[in-house]
Amino acid sequence: MADTISFDVDSPAGRRTVEVAYERTGAGEPLVLLHGIGHHRQAWDPVLHILAAERDVIAVDLPGFGASTPLPDGLSYDVRTVVPVLASFFDALGLVRPHVAGNSLGGLLALELGRENRVRSVSAFSPAGFWTGCERRYAFGVLRAMRRAALAMPLPLITRLSRSAAGRTVLTSTIYAQPGRRSPDAVVAETFALREATGFDGTLEAGRFTAFTDDVPGIPVTVAWGGKDLLLPRRQGIRAKSVIPGARLVRLPRCGHVPMSDDPAAVARVVLDTSR
């Protein structure tokens, strides 16, 4: 069950109020989890109970995704806006430099938070921003096609497909290496999250001009990449290592772009090892 919190953010257009939905569980040092574009905080559900045994875990719906409301007028979905929004979210919850783990878009945001020295450690899974122009255009084309398909399918068809491993493969094989492991309810929920993501178009538009080009010094950083990532090829991990030379680069051989479901134990191990 999600909680929500409202807080003010200063912007060039003036002060705006942002509302963010999140789920909090566990005990220990705080750990914030960030999902990718078109997804929601439940992407982290397969590892939540493992992480919560050692950490105070806060799984976030990014603005314009999941149960969070869209960003208010005057705020864009670019990194320069969303990172300060997340920093203000930390402040509103009283989180002083939490650990952070993010996947895809969430990985990029986690690294930016690390560069701004707002977090204690970063675990980034297939983070966006280490692409070539061709790789970015390919990834964005795939994401747009997934969104169009989700919007075009009626609910009864989505529900029917989710009931079989073959149907779950049709719906989610672009981001999971083992889509059959997803539960029917999870697949329906994340397909709906993609359909209803009010921040999707704005985030993609902002991503056209996004690349991560700076080091993240002074804190532990792990960049992990799925060996079967079909959206952002694993060679981008080599580029990430060259940009962040102090980072630990980890391969997740049985994982796709969203690895939390493909290998929960490996993902949890990466996050906990980094945050220790």
C-alpha atoms as a PDB file:
ATOM      1  CA  MET A   1       0.000   0.000   0.000  1.00  0.00           C
ATOM      2  CA  ALA A   2       1.481   3.319  -1.075  1.00  0.00           C
ATOM      3  CA  ASP A   3       1.891   6.387   1.073  1.00  0.00           C
ATOM      4  CA  THR A   4       2.089   9.824  -0.513  1.00  0.00           C
ATOM      5  CA  ILE A   5       3.950  12.955   0.473  1.00  0.00           C
ATOM      6  CA  SER A   6       3.687  16.497  -0.888  1.00  0.00           C
ATOM      7  CA  PHE A   7       6.541  18.986  -0.860  1.00  0.00           C
ATOM      8  CA  ASP A   8       7.510  22.231  -2.565  1.00  0.00           C
ATOM      9  CA  VAL A   9      10.160  22.531  -5.261  1.00  0.00           C
ATOM     10  CA  ASP A  10      11.683  25.765  -6.524  1.00  0.00           C
ATOM     11  CA  SER A  11      11.860  26.074 -10.313  1.00  0.00           C
ATOM     12  CA  PRO A  12      12.454  28.793 -12.914  1.00  0.00           C
ATOM     13  CA  ALA A  13       8.655  29.010 -13.154  1.00  0.00           C
ATOM     14  CA  GLY A  14       8.347  29.574  -9.400  1.00  0.00           C
ATOM     15  CA  ARG A  15       7.583  27.318  -6.464  1.00  0.00           C
ATOM     16  CA  ARG A  16       5.584  24.194  -7.315  1.00  0.00           C
ATOM     17  CA  THR A  17       4.076  21.454  -5.143  1.00  0.00           C
ATOM     18  CA  VAL A  18       4.985  17.880  -6.091  1.00  0.00           C
ATOM     19  CA  GLU A  19       3.293  14.739  -4.770  1.00  0.00           C
ATOM     20  CA  VAL A  20       5.161  11.438  -4.743  1.00  0.00           C
ATOM     21  CA  ALA A  21       3.889   7.956  -3.882  1.00  0.00           C
ATOM     22  CA  TYR A  22       6.175   5.508  -2.129  1.00  0.00           C
ATOM     23  CA  GLU A  23       6.246   2.308  -0.097  1.00  0.00           C
ATOM     24  CA  ARG A  24       8.448   1.999   2.981  1.00  0.00           C
ATOM     25  CA  THR A  25       9.418  -1.178   4.789  1.00  0.00           C
ATOM     26  CA  GLY A  26      12.260  -2.711   6.770  1.00  0.00           C
ATOM     27  CA  ALA A  27      14.811  -1.296   9.200  1.00  0.00           C
ATOM     28  CA  GLY A  28      18.408  -0.125   9.016  1.00  0.00           C
ATOM     29  CA  GLU A  29      20.170   2.477   6.936  1.00  0.00           C
ATOM     30  CA  PRO A  30      17.790   4.079   4.401  1.00  0.00           C
ATOM     31  CA  LEU A  31      17.807   2.759   0.830  1.00  0.00           C
ATOM     32  CA  VAL A  32      15.785   4.417  -1.943  1.00  0.00           C
ATOM     33  CA  LEU A  33      14.743   2.354  -4.997  1.00  0.00           C
ATOM     34  CA  LEU A  34      14.056   4.009  -8.365  1.00  0.00           C
ATOM     35  CA  HIS A  35      12.359   2.315 -11.335  1.00  0.00           C
ATOM     36  CA  GLY A  36      12.670   2.820 -15.084  1.00  0.00           C
ATOM     37  CA  ILE A  37      10.551   4.671 -17.637  1.00  0.00           C
ATOM     38  CA  GLY A  38       7.013   3.358 -17.995  1.00  0.00           C
ATOM     39  CA  HIS A  39       7.373   1.153 -14.920  1.00  0.00           C
ATOM     40  CA  HIS A  40       6.418   1.603 -11.269  1.00  0.00           C
ATOM     41  CA  ARG A  41       7.838   0.946  -7.801  1.00  0.00           C
ATOM     42  CA  GLN A  42       6.537  -2.645  -7.885  1.00  0.00           C
ATOM     43  CA  ALA A  43       9.365  -3.490 -10.286  1.00  0.00           C
ATOM     44  CA  TRP A  44      11.407  -3.901  -7.093  1.00  0.00           C
ATOM     45  CA  ASP A  45       8.935  -6.227  -5.355  1.00  0.00           C
ATOM     46  CA  PRO A  46      10.937  -9.422  -6.064  1.00  0.00           C
ATOM     47  CA  VAL A  47      13.861  -8.123  -3.968  1.00  0.00           C
ATOM     48  CA  LEU A  48      12.016  -5.949  -1.451  1.00  0.00           C
ATOM     49  CA  HIS A  49      11.813  -8.520   1.356  1.00  0.00           C
ATOM     50  CA  ILE A  50      15.514  -9.400   0.981  1.00  0.00           C
ATOM     51  CA  LEU A  51      16.622  -5.772   1.140  1.00  0.00           C
ATOM     52  CA  ALA A  52      14.213  -4.941   3.968  1.00  0.00           C
ATOM     53  CA  ALA A  53      15.942  -7.462   6.221  1.00  0.00           C
ATOM     54  CA  GLU A  54      18.938  -5.094   6.378  1.00  0.00           C
ATOM     55  CA  ARG A  55      17.721  -1.716   5.151  1.00  0.00           C
ATOM     56  CA  ASP A  56      14.959   0.832   5.659  1.00  0.00           C
ATOM     57  CA  VAL A  57      13.698   0.514   2.077  1.00  0.00           C
ATOM     58  CA  ILE A  58      11.781   3.293   0.303  1.00  0.00           C
ATOM     59  CA  ALA A  59      10.486   2.239  -3.136  1.00  0.00           C
ATOM     60  CA  VAL A  60       9.435   5.311  -5.109  1.00  0.00           C
ATOM     61  CA  ASP A  61       6.984   5.938  -7.932  1.00  0.00           C
ATOM     62  CA  LEU A  62       8.743   8.604  -9.960  1.00  0.00           C
ATOM     63  CA  PRO A  63       6.617  11.687 -10.788  1.00  0.00           C
ATOM     64  CA  GLY A  64       4.293  10.893 -13.674  1.00  0.00           C
ATOM     65  CA  PHE A  65       4.587   7.121 -13.145  1.00  0.00           C
ATOM     66  CA  GLY A  66       2.809   4.554 -10.998  1.00  0.00           C
ATOM     67  CA  ALA A  67       0.678   6.165  -8.301  1.00  0.00           C
ATOM     68  CA  SER A  68       2.570   9.471  -8.349  1.00  0.00           C
ATOM     69  CA  THR A  69       0.885  12.483  -9.943  1.00  0.00           C
ATOM     70  CA  PRO A  70       2.408  14.211 -12.976  1.00  0.00           C
ATOM     71  CA  LEU A  71       4.892  17.004 -12.483  1.00  0.00           C
ATOM     72  CA  PRO A  72       3.094  20.350 -12.205  1.00  0.00           C
ATOM     73  CA  ASP A  73       3.060  22.892 -15.009  1.00  0.00           C
ATOM     74  CA  GLY A  74       6.424  24.571 -15.346  1.00  0.00           C
ATOM     75  CA  LEU A  75       8.441  21.471 -14.427  1.00  0.00           C
ATOM     76  CA  SER A  76       9.904  19.257 -17.140  1.00  0.00           C
ATOM     77  CA  TYR A  77      10.924  15.605 -16.937  1.00  0.00           C
ATOM     78  CA  ASP A  78      14.599  16.231 -17.630  1.00  0.00           C
ATOM     79  CA  VAL A  79      17.377  15.185 -15.253  1.00  0.00           C
ATOM     80  CA  ARG A  80      18.033  18.769 -14.155  1.00  0.00           C
ATOM     81  CA  THR A  81      14.479  18.904 -12.795  1.00  0.00           C
ATOM     82  CA  VAL A  82      13.829  15.378 -11.536  1.00  0.00           C
ATOM     83  CA  VAL A  83      17.067  15.070  -9.536  1.00  0.00           C
ATOM     84  CA  PRO A  84      16.245  18.168  -7.417  1.00  0.00           C
ATOM     85  CA  VAL A  85      12.698  16.823  -7.020  1.00  0.00           C
ATOM     86  CA  LEU A  86      14.120  13.586  -5.616  1.00  0.00           C
ATOM     87  CA  ALA A  87      16.489  15.522  -3.368  1.00  0.00           C
ATOM     88  CA  SER A  88      13.486  17.465  -2.043  1.00  0.00           C
ATOM     89  CA  PHE A  89      11.670  14.153  -1.523  1.00  0.00           C
ATOM     90  CA  PHE A  90      14.614  12.963   0.593  1.00  0.00           C
ATOM     91  CA  ASP A  91      14.422  16.148   2.639  1.00  0.00           C
ATOM     92  CA  ALA A  92      10.654  15.804   3.109  1.00  0.00           C
ATOM     93  CA  LEU A  93      11.129  12.295   4.536  1.00  0.00           C
ATOM     94  CA  GLY A  94      14.137  13.308   6.621  1.00  0.00           C
ATOM     95  CA  LEU A  95      16.521  11.103   4.623  1.00  0.00           C
ATOM     96  CA  VAL A  96      20.102  12.330   4.964  1.00  0.00           C
ATOM     97  CA  ARG A  97      22.192  10.898   2.130  1.00  0.00           C
ATOM     98  CA  PRO A  98      20.425   7.544   1.782  1.00  0.00           C
ATOM     99  CA  HIS A  99      21.780   4.711  -0.304  1.00  0.00           C
ATOM    100  CA  VAL A 100      20.087   4.548  -3.703  1.00  0.00           C
ATOM    101  CA  ALA A 101      19.552   1.828  -6.292  1.00  0.00           C
ATOM    102  CA  GLY A 102      17.993   2.457  -9.685  1.00  0.00           C
ATOM    103  CA  ASN A 103      17.167   0.622 -12.880  1.00  0.00           C
ATOM    104  CA  SER A 104      17.343   2.155 -16.380  1.00  0.00           C
ATOM    105  CA  LEU A 105      16.020   5.727 -15.996  1.00  0.00           C
ATOM    106  CA  GLY A 106      16.223   5.162 -12.245  1.00  0.00           C
ATOM    107  CA  GLY A 107      19.868   4.142 -12.629  1.00  0.00           C
ATOM    108  CA  LEU A 108      20.665   7.376 -14.428  1.00  0.00           C
ATOM    109  CA  LEU A 109      18.898   9.379 -11.719  1.00  0.00           C
ATOM    110  CA  ALA A 110      20.748   7.429  -9.013  1.00  0.00           C
ATOM    111  CA  LEU A 111      24.097   8.251 -10.612  1.00  0.00           C
ATOM    112  CA  GLU A 112      23.160  11.919 -10.907  1.00  0.00           C
ATOM    113  CA  LEU A 113      22.196  11.948  -7.217  1.00  0.00           C
ATOM    114  CA  GLY A 114      25.591  10.427  -6.486  1.00  0.00           C
ATOM    115  CA  ARG A 115      27.360  13.065  -8.542  1.00  0.00           C
ATOM    116  CA  GLU A 116      25.474  15.728  -6.551  1.00  0.00           C
ATOM    117  CA  ASN A 117      26.656  14.042  -3.303  1.00  0.00           C
ATOM    118  CA  ARG A 118      23.062  13.508  -2.159  1.00  0.00           C
ATOM    119  CA  VAL A 119      23.497   9.771  -1.485  1.00  0.00           C
ATOM    120  CA  ARG A 120      25.913   7.418   0.307  1.00  0.00           C
ATOM    121  CA  SER A 121      26.186   4.775  -2.403  1.00  0.00           C
ATOM    122  CA  VAL A 122      24.786   4.025  -5.861  1.00  0.00           C
ATOM    123  CA  SER A 123      23.758   0.702  -7.386  1.00  0.00           C
ATOM    124  CA  ALA A 124      22.788   1.325 -11.025  1.00  0.00           C
ATOM    125  CA  PHE A 125      21.246  -1.499 -13.061  1.00  0.00           C
ATOM    126  CA  SER A 126      21.439  -0.960 -16.844  1.00  0.00           C
ATOM    127  CA  PRO A 127      21.438   2.815 -16.345  1.00  0.00           C
ATOM    128  CA  ALA A 128      20.355   5.054 -19.197  1.00  0.00           C
ATOM    129  CA  GLY A 129      22.721   7.653 -20.618  1.00  0.00           C
ATOM    130  CA  PHE A 130      25.685   5.582 -21.821  1.00  0.00           C
ATOM    131  CA  TRP A 131      24.350   5.076 -25.335  1.00  0.00           C
ATOM    132  CA  THR A 132      25.464   6.137 -28.780  1.00  0.00           C
ATOM    133  CA  GLY A 133      22.979   8.093 -30.880  1.00  0.00           C
ATOM    134  CA  CYS A 134      21.989   4.949 -32.764  1.00  0.00           C
ATOM    135  CA  GLU A 135      21.555   2.945 -29.572  1.00  0.00           C
ATOM    136  CA  ARG A 136      19.403   5.668 -28.041  1.00  0.00           C
ATOM    137  CA  ARG A 137      17.162   5.871 -31.119  1.00  0.00           C
ATOM    138  CA  TYR A 138      16.777   2.087 -31.108  1.00  0.00           C
ATOM    139  CA  ALA A 139      15.885   1.990 -27.402  1.00  0.00           C
ATOM    140  CA  PHE A 140      13.401   4.841 -27.727  1.00  0.00           C
ATOM    141  CA  GLY A 141      11.798   3.169 -30.743  1.00  0.00           C
ATOM    142  CA  VAL A 142      11.346  -0.056 -28.762  1.00  0.00           C
ATOM    143  CA  LEU A 143       9.887   1.835 -25.798  1.00  0.00           C
ATOM    144  CA  ARG A 144       7.426   3.717 -28.005  1.00  0.00           C
ATOM    145  CA  ALA A 145       6.361   0.436 -29.631  1.00  0.00           C
ATOM    146  CA  MET A 146       5.791  -1.127 -26.201  1.00  0.00           C
ATOM    147  CA  ARG A 147       3.712   1.858 -25.155  1.00  0.00           C
ATOM    148  CA  ARG A 148       1.609   1.771 -28.339  1.00  0.00           C
ATOM    149  CA  ALA A 149       0.990  -1.951 -27.886  1.00  0.00           C
ATOM    150  CA  ALA A 150      -0.044  -1.474 -24.250  1.00  0.00           C
ATOM    151  CA  LEU A 151      -2.423   1.332 -25.201  1.00  0.00           C
ATOM    152  CA  ALA A 152      -3.938  -0.669 -28.055  1.00  0.00           C
ATOM    153  CA  MET A 153      -4.677  -3.859 -26.109  1.00  0.00           C
ATOM    154  CA  PRO A 154      -8.025  -4.066 -24.307  1.00  0.00           C
ATOM    155  CA  LEU A 155      -7.974  -5.160 -20.677  1.00  0.00           C
ATOM    156  CA  PRO A 156      -9.512  -8.612 -21.339  1.00  0.00           C
ATOM    157  CA  LEU A 157      -6.709  -9.398 -23.802  1.00  0.00           C
ATOM    158  CA  ILE A 158      -3.990  -8.265 -21.391  1.00  0.00           C
ATOM    159  CA  THR A 159      -5.545 -10.371 -18.633  1.00  0.00           C
ATOM    160  CA  ARG A 160      -5.864 -13.406 -20.899  1.00  0.00           C
ATOM    161  CA  LEU A 161      -2.264 -13.170 -22.118  1.00  0.00           C
ATOM    162  CA  SER A 162      -0.960 -12.815 -18.581  1.00  0.00           C
ATOM    163  CA  ARG A 163      -2.364 -16.214 -17.585  1.00  0.00           C
ATOM    164  CA  SER A 164       0.178 -18.219 -19.581  1.00  0.00           C
ATOM    165  CA  ALA A 165       3.972 -18.154 -19.722  1.00  0.00           C
ATOM    166  CA  ALA A 166       3.751 -17.688 -23.503  1.00  0.00           C
ATOM    167  CA  GLY A 167       1.429 -14.716 -23.081  1.00  0.00           C
ATOM    168  CA  ARG A 168       3.675 -13.144 -20.454  1.00  0.00           C
ATOM    169  CA  THR A 169       6.531 -13.560 -22.903  1.00  0.00           C
ATOM    170  CA  VAL A 170       4.563 -11.633 -25.528  1.00  0.00           C
ATOM    171  CA  LEU A 171       3.890  -8.828 -23.066  1.00  0.00           C
ATOM    172  CA  THR A 172       7.241  -8.498 -21.291  1.00  0.00           C
ATOM    173  CA  SER A 173      10.093 -10.333 -23.049  1.00  0.00           C
ATOM    174  CA  THR A 174      11.642  -7.041 -24.175  1.00  0.00           C
ATOM    175  CA  ILE A 175      12.642  -6.202 -20.605  1.00  0.00           C
ATOM    176  CA  TYR A 176      12.826  -9.606 -18.865  1.00  0.00           C
ATOM    177  CA  ALA A 177      15.090 -12.517 -19.770  1.00  0.00           C
ATOM    178  CA  GLN A 178      12.728 -14.887 -17.932  1.00  0.00           C
ATOM    179  CA  PRO A 179       9.259 -13.376 -18.434  1.00  0.00           C
ATOM    180  CA  GLY A 180       7.543 -16.575 -17.413  1.00  0.00           C
ATOM    181  CA  ARG A 181       8.698 -15.937 -13.833  1.00  0.00           C
ATOM    182  CA  ARG A 182       6.463 -12.868 -13.579  1.00  0.00           C
ATOM    183  CA  SER A 183       3.099 -13.472 -11.946  1.00  0.00           C
ATOM    184  CA  PRO A 184      -0.050 -12.792 -13.983  1.00  0.00           C
ATOM    185  CA  ASP A 185      -1.076 -10.010 -11.610  1.00  0.00           C
ATOM    186  CA  ALA A 186       2.349  -8.348 -11.860  1.00  0.00           C
ATOM    187  CA  VAL A 187       2.264  -8.428 -15.656  1.00  0.00           C
ATOM    188  CA  VAL A 188      -1.220  -6.903 -15.807  1.00  0.00           C
ATOM    189  CA  ALA A 189      -0.216  -4.205 -13.310  1.00  0.00           C
ATOM    190  CA  GLU A 190       2.968  -3.223 -15.115  1.00  0.00           C
ATOM    191  CA  THR A 191       1.254  -3.197 -18.509  1.00  0.00           C
ATOM    192  CA  PHE A 192      -1.295  -0.809 -17.027  1.00  0.00           C
ATOM    193  CA  ALA A 193       1.514   1.248 -15.495  1.00  0.00           C
ATOM    194  CA  LEU A 194       2.969   1.649 -18.976  1.00  0.00           C
ATOM    195  CA  ARG A 195      -0.428   2.614 -20.398  1.00  0.00           C
ATOM    196  CA  GLU A 196      -1.124   5.183 -17.694  1.00  0.00           C
ATOM    197  CA  ALA A 197       2.340   6.734 -17.399  1.00  0.00           C
ATOM    198  CA  THR A 198       1.633  10.450 -17.796  1.00  0.00           C
ATOM    199  CA  GLY A 199       5.359  11.217 -17.653  1.00  0.00           C
ATOM    200  CA  PHE A 200       6.304   8.832 -20.459  1.00  0.00           C
ATOM    201  CA  ASP A 201       6.348  11.212 -23.418  1.00  0.00           C
ATOM    202  CA  GLY A 202       7.966  14.047 -21.500  1.00  0.00           C
ATOM    203  CA  THR A 203      10.690  11.742 -20.195  1.00  0.00           C
ATOM    204  CA  LEU A 204      11.464  10.368 -23.645  1.00  0.00           C
ATOM    205  CA  GLU A 205      11.581  13.859 -25.108  1.00  0.00           C
ATOM    206  CA  ALA A 206      14.002  14.997 -22.409  1.00  0.00           C
ATOM    207  CA  GLY A 207      16.077  11.850 -22.936  1.00  0.00           C
ATOM    208  CA  ARG A 208      16.950  12.884 -26.468  1.00  0.00           C
ATOM    209  CA  PHE A 209      19.484  15.280 -24.973  1.00  0.00           C
ATOM    210  CA  THR A 210      20.664  13.121 -22.071  1.00  0.00           C
ATOM    211  CA  ALA A 211      24.062  11.517 -21.635  1.00  0.00           C
ATOM    212  CA  PHE A 212      26.009  10.754 -18.495  1.00  0.00           C
ATOM    213  CA  THR A 213      29.516  12.137 -18.948  1.00  0.00           C
ATOM    214  CA  ASP A 214      30.839  12.916 -15.424  1.00  0.00           C
ATOM    215  CA  ASP A 215      32.553  10.840 -12.762  1.00  0.00           C
ATOM    216  CA  VAL A 216      30.882  10.009  -9.426  1.00  0.00           C
ATOM    217  CA  PRO A 217      33.759  10.409  -6.992  1.00  0.00           C
ATOM    218  CA  GLY A 218      33.897   9.785  -3.296  1.00  0.00           C
ATOM    219  CA  ILE A 219      31.160   7.154  -2.837  1.00  0.00           C
ATOM    220  CA  PRO A 220      30.796   3.436  -3.632  1.00  0.00           C
ATOM    221  CA  VAL A 221      29.264   2.917  -7.091  1.00  0.00           C
ATOM    222  CA  THR A 222      28.302  -0.354  -8.746  1.00  0.00           C
ATOM    223  CA  VAL A 223      27.082  -0.544 -12.325  1.00  0.00           C
ATOM    224  CA  ALA A 224      25.389  -3.873 -13.075  1.00  0.00           C
ATOM    225  CA  TRP A 225      24.293  -5.013 -16.527  1.00  0.00           C
ATOM    226  CA  GLY A 226      22.146  -7.918 -17.615  1.00  0.00           C
ATOM    227  CA  GLY A 227      23.869 -10.253 -20.019  1.00  0.00           C
ATOM    228  CA  LYS A 228      20.569 -10.628 -21.895  1.00  0.00           C
ATOM    229  CA  ASP A 229      19.548  -6.960 -21.919  1.00  0.00           C
ATOM    230  CA  LEU A 230      17.705  -6.429 -25.221  1.00  0.00           C
ATOM    231  CA  LEU A 231      17.005  -2.726 -24.688  1.00  0.00           C
ATOM    232  CA  LEU A 232      20.374  -1.289 -23.639  1.00  0.00           C
ATOM    233  CA  PRO A 233      23.143  -3.673 -24.805  1.00  0.00           C
ATOM    234  CA  ARG A 234      25.690  -4.712 -22.202  1.00  0.00           C
ATOM    235  CA  ARG A 235      28.560  -2.995 -24.065  1.00  0.00           C
ATOM    236  CA  GLN A 236      27.180   0.209 -22.582  1.00  0.00           C
ATOM    237  CA  GLY A 237      28.450  -1.043 -19.242  1.00  0.00           C
ATOM    238  CA  ILE A 238      32.015  -0.757 -20.562  1.00  0.00           C
ATOM    239  CA  ARG A 239      31.323   2.877 -21.414  1.00  0.00           C
ATOM    240  CA  ALA A 240      29.900   3.449 -17.947  1.00  0.00           C
ATOM    241  CA  LYS A 241      33.088   2.035 -16.414  1.00  0.00           C
ATOM    242  CA  SER A 242      35.218   4.374 -18.531  1.00  0.00           C
ATOM    243  CA  VAL A 243      33.154   7.393 -17.425  1.00  0.00           C
ATOM    244  CA  ILE A 244      33.130   6.288 -13.760  1.00  0.00           C
ATOM    245  CA  PRO A 245      36.520   4.567 -13.411  1.00  0.00           C
ATOM    246  CA  GLY A 246      36.096   3.911  -9.693  1.00  0.00           C
ATOM    247  CA  ALA A 247      32.841   2.011 -10.221  1.00  0.00           C
ATOM    248  CA  ARG A 248      32.563  -1.734  -9.826  1.00  0.00           C
ATOM    249  CA  LEU A 249      31.164  -3.296 -13.010  1.00  0.00           C
ATOM    250  CA  VAL A 250      29.072  -6.434 -12.471  1.00  0.00           C
ATOM    251  CA  ARG A 251      27.625  -8.774 -15.086  1.00  0.00           C
ATOM    252  CA  LEU A 252      24.275 -10.445 -14.418  1.00  0.00           C
ATOM    253  CA  PRO A 253      24.390 -13.292 -16.952  1.00  0.00           C
ATOM    254  CA  ARG A 254      20.809 -14.561 -16.601  1.00  0.00           C
ATOM    255  CA  CYS A 255      19.169 -11.135 -16.559  1.00  0.00           C
ATOM    256  CA  GLY A 256      17.447  -8.822 -18.980  1.00  0.00           C
ATOM    257  CA  HIS A 257      16.961  -5.069 -18.797  1.00  0.00           C
ATOM    258  CA  VAL A 258      14.891  -5.220 -15.593  1.00  0.00           C
ATOM    259  CA  PRO A 259      16.876  -7.800 -13.580  1.00  0.00           C
ATOM    260  CA  MET A 260      15.007  -7.727 -10.268  1.00  0.00           C
ATOM    261  CA  SER A 261      12.634 -10.484 -11.351  1.00  0.00           C
ATOM    262  CA  ASP A 262      15.145 -12.493 -13.396  1.00  0.00           C
ATOM    263  CA  ASP A 263      17.598 -12.996 -10.512  1.00  0.00           C
ATOM    264  CA  PRO A 264      16.394 -11.413  -7.245  1.00  0.00           C
ATOM    265  CA  ALA A 265      19.223 -12.871  -5.158  1.00  0.00           C
ATOM    266  CA  ALA A 266      21.936 -11.468  -7.447  1.00  0.00           C
ATOM    267  CA  VAL A 267      20.312  -8.038  -7.563  1.00  0.00           C
ATOM    268  CA  ALA A 268      19.895  -7.900  -3.796  1.00  0.00           C
ATOM    269  CA  ARG A 269      23.512  -8.980  -3.338  1.00  0.00           C
ATOM    270  CA  VAL A 270      24.735  -6.144  -5.576  1.00  0.00           C
ATOM    271  CA  VAL A 271      22.699  -3.553  -3.667  1.00  0.00           C
ATOM    272  CA  LEU A 272      23.631  -4.794  -0.202  1.00  0.00           C
ATOM    273  CA  ASP A 273      27.330  -5.255  -1.023  1.00  0.00           C
ATOM    274  CA  THR A 274      27.502  -1.730  -2.460  1.00  0.00           C
ATOM    275  CA  SER A 275      25.650  -0.162   0.442  1.00  0.00           C
ATOM    276  CA  ARG A 276      27.886  -1.887   2.995  1.00  0.00           C
END
